[in-house]
Every structure is written in C-alpha cells, then in structure tokens.
Amino acid sequence: MKSVIHEIDLVQNDARRFGSATDYYPALLIRKDGTEAGLLFTPDDIGVAEIRGAANSEDVPDRSQPGTSQAPARQTWLVIALVLAVALLIFVR
C-alpha cells in the first residue's frame, strides 16, 4: 500500500465559505482506471479515520511495506536547508 497523507501538508482554507473548515489535508486518489480525483480531508475527517484505523489495526498499512514513505520529501529538504544555514553561519563567524 502506498497511501500516505503527510501532516506537514495541512493547507489553510483562505477562501473559505460559511461553515467550511479552516484547514484541510489535500490528497490525490488515482483510481484503477487511471482517472484521478482531488480529495480534501478536514482535521475532523482525519480524526475519524484514526479512530477507524485503531479499531481495525489489521487493515492499517505496515510502515515497513515497500512504497510507504518514511518522511515527507519537503520535510527532508527543510532539514537539509536548516543544516546548510547553520553551517554557513558557523563558517561566516
């Protein structure tokens, strides 16, 4: 299973309508026939899914399965940028 939603991808709903969520997690669903659908999960949707996953742990993907990401690429690049910035500050002094 390759499905991963990264918490770091939380997006603020800047153009929100009355009653809509202030934040959401974007995801892309690729169907068997190759068609795609954009999905938006609210934090409440994620909470419900977490409860469902805890109740059905036998169906939750194992992190050691091929195709499941250990860390978001964006987070990895942020760490690299931070390390480079610190190294530059040390070098400049």
C-alpha atoms as a PDB file:
ATOM      1  CA  MET A   1       0.000   0.000   0.000  1.00  0.00           C
ATOM      2  CA  LYS A   2       1.421   3.390  -0.990  1.00  0.00           C
ATOM      3  CA  SER A   3      -1.163   5.709   0.557  1.00  0.00           C
ATOM      4  CA  VAL A   4       0.384   8.428   2.695  1.00  0.00           C
ATOM      5  CA  ILE A   5      -1.027  11.745   3.911  1.00  0.00           C
ATOM      6  CA  HIS A   6       1.582  13.999   5.491  1.00  0.00           C
ATOM      7  CA  GLU A   7       0.509  16.243   8.344  1.00  0.00           C
ATOM      8  CA  ILE A   8       3.013  18.820   7.114  1.00  0.00           C
ATOM      9  CA  ASP A   9       0.789  19.309   4.029  1.00  0.00           C
ATOM     10  CA  LEU A  10      -2.029  20.928   6.049  1.00  0.00           C
ATOM     11  CA  VAL A  11      -3.384  23.816   3.943  1.00  0.00           C
ATOM     12  CA  GLN A  12      -5.265  26.832   5.263  1.00  0.00           C
ATOM     13  CA  ASN A  13      -8.599  27.438   3.574  1.00  0.00           C
ATOM     14  CA  ASP A  14      -8.098  31.132   2.789  1.00  0.00           C
ATOM     15  CA  ALA A  15     -11.205  31.484   0.608  1.00  0.00           C
ATOM     16  CA  ARG A  16     -13.488  29.585   2.921  1.00  0.00           C
ATOM     17  CA  ARG A  17     -17.234  29.689   2.708  1.00  0.00           C
ATOM     18  CA  PHE A  18     -19.535  29.909   5.703  1.00  0.00           C
ATOM     19  CA  GLY A  19     -19.468  26.648   7.630  1.00  0.00           C
ATOM     20  CA  SER A  20     -16.449  25.205   5.810  1.00  0.00           C
ATOM     21  CA  ALA A  21     -13.299  24.012   7.557  1.00  0.00           C
ATOM     22  CA  THR A  22     -10.441  26.411   8.236  1.00  0.00           C
ATOM     23  CA  ASP A  23      -7.807  23.798   7.225  1.00  0.00           C
ATOM     24  CA  TYR A  24      -7.641  20.663   5.134  1.00  0.00           C
ATOM     25  CA  TYR A  25      -5.250  17.931   4.022  1.00  0.00           C
ATOM     26  CA  PRO A  26      -5.088  17.615   0.225  1.00  0.00           C
ATOM     27  CA  ALA A  27      -4.687  14.171  -1.349  1.00  0.00           C
ATOM     28  CA  LEU A  28      -4.896  12.662  -4.808  1.00  0.00           C
ATOM     29  CA  LEU A  29      -6.901   9.500  -5.467  1.00  0.00           C
ATOM     30  CA  ILE A  30      -5.794   7.511  -8.520  1.00  0.00           C
ATOM     31  CA  ARG A  31      -8.463   5.016  -9.476  1.00  0.00           C
ATOM     32  CA  LYS A  32      -7.898   1.617 -11.074  1.00  0.00           C
ATOM     33  CA  ASP A  33      -8.861   3.015 -14.483  1.00  0.00           C
ATOM     34  CA  GLY A  34      -6.218   5.766 -14.158  1.00  0.00           C
ATOM     35  CA  THR A  35      -8.615   8.643 -13.555  1.00  0.00           C
ATOM     36  CA  GLU A  36      -7.754  10.987 -10.713  1.00  0.00           C
ATOM     37  CA  ALA A  37      -9.784  12.817  -8.089  1.00  0.00           C
ATOM     38  CA  GLY A  38      -8.619  15.576  -5.766  1.00  0.00           C
ATOM     39  CA  LEU A  39      -9.589  14.906  -2.162  1.00  0.00           C
ATOM     40  CA  LEU A  40      -9.718  17.298   0.781  1.00  0.00           C
ATOM     41  CA  PHE A  41      -9.764  15.884   4.306  1.00  0.00           C
ATOM     42  CA  THR A  42     -10.566  18.126   7.254  1.00  0.00           C
ATOM     43  CA  PRO A  43      -8.755  17.565  10.554  1.00  0.00           C
ATOM     44  CA  ASP A  44     -12.046  16.056  11.818  1.00  0.00           C
ATOM     45  CA  ASP A  45     -12.043  13.624   8.856  1.00  0.00           C
ATOM     46  CA  ILE A  46      -8.504  12.593   9.799  1.00  0.00           C
ATOM     47  CA  GLY A  47      -9.602  12.095  13.424  1.00  0.00           C
ATOM     48  CA  VAL A  48     -12.461   9.825  12.365  1.00  0.00           C
ATOM     49  CA  ALA A  49     -10.088   7.852  10.134  1.00  0.00           C
ATOM     50  CA  GLU A  50      -7.611   7.481  13.025  1.00  0.00           C
ATOM     51  CA  ILE A  51     -10.351   6.042  15.236  1.00  0.00           C
ATOM     52  CA  ARG A  52     -11.357   3.662  12.429  1.00  0.00           C
ATOM     53  CA  GLY A  53      -7.709   2.632  11.960  1.00  0.00           C
ATOM     54  CA  ALA A  54      -7.259   1.969  15.678  1.00  0.00           C
ATOM     55  CA  ALA A  55     -10.393  -0.185  15.707  1.00  0.00           C
ATOM     56  CA  ASN A  56      -9.240  -2.119  12.602  1.00  0.00           C
ATOM     57  CA  SER A  57      -5.465  -2.221  13.086  1.00  0.00           C
ATOM     58  CA  GLU A  58      -5.159  -5.389  10.973  1.00  0.00           C
ATOM     59  CA  ASP A  59      -6.082  -3.313   7.903  1.00  0.00           C
ATOM     60  CA  VAL A  60      -3.647  -0.449   8.565  1.00  0.00           C
ATOM     61  CA  PRO A  61      -0.579  -0.467   6.281  1.00  0.00           C
ATOM     62  CA  ASP A  62       2.713  -1.535   7.818  1.00  0.00           C
ATOM     63  CA  ARG A  63       5.362   1.231   7.638  1.00  0.00           C
ATOM     64  CA  SER A  64       7.943  -1.347   6.549  1.00  0.00           C
ATOM     65  CA  GLN A  65       5.993  -2.203   3.378  1.00  0.00           C
ATOM     66  CA  PRO A  66       7.614  -1.065   0.142  1.00  0.00           C
ATOM     67  CA  GLY A  67       6.149   2.157  -1.209  1.00  0.00           C
ATOM     68  CA  THR A  68       5.373   3.760   2.129  1.00  0.00           C
ATOM     69  CA  SER A  69       7.362   6.902   2.759  1.00  0.00           C
ATOM     70  CA  GLN A  70       9.375   7.250   5.960  1.00  0.00           C
ATOM     71  CA  ALA A  71       9.492  11.058   5.806  1.00  0.00           C
ATOM     72  CA  PRO A  72       7.966  13.663   3.526  1.00  0.00           C
ATOM     73  CA  ALA A  73      10.350  14.935   0.866  1.00  0.00           C
ATOM     74  CA  ARG A  74       9.513  18.530   1.812  1.00  0.00           C
ATOM     75  CA  GLN A  75      10.480  17.873   5.422  1.00  0.00           C
ATOM     76  CA  THR A  76      13.763  16.302   4.302  1.00  0.00           C
ATOM     77  CA  TRP A  77      14.607  19.388   2.227  1.00  0.00           C
ATOM     78  CA  LEU A  78      13.756  21.664   5.149  1.00  0.00           C
ATOM     79  CA  VAL A  79      16.195  19.761   7.350  1.00  0.00           C
ATOM     80  CA  ILE A  80      18.906  19.981   4.675  1.00  0.00           C
ATOM     81  CA  ALA A  81      18.293  23.733   4.288  1.00  0.00           C
ATOM     82  CA  LEU A  82      18.490  24.218   8.052  1.00  0.00           C
ATOM     83  CA  VAL A  83      21.768  22.280   8.306  1.00  0.00           C
ATOM     84  CA  LEU A  84      23.264  24.317   5.433  1.00  0.00           C
ATOM     85  CA  ALA A  85      22.136  27.591   7.027  1.00  0.00           C
ATOM     86  CA  VAL A  86      23.737  26.647  10.356  1.00  0.00           C
ATOM     87  CA  ALA A  87      26.946  25.588   8.599  1.00  0.00           C
ATOM     88  CA  LEU A  88      27.022  28.909   6.736  1.00  0.00           C
ATOM     89  CA  LEU A  89      26.557  30.861   9.982  1.00  0.00           C
ATOM     90  CA  ILE A  90      29.423  28.933  11.595  1.00  0.00           C
ATOM     91  CA  PHE A  91      31.647  29.484   8.552  1.00  0.00           C
ATOM     92  CA  VAL A  92      30.931  33.241   8.382  1.00  0.00           C
ATOM     93  CA  ARG A  93      31.869  33.792  12.018  1.00  0.00           C
END
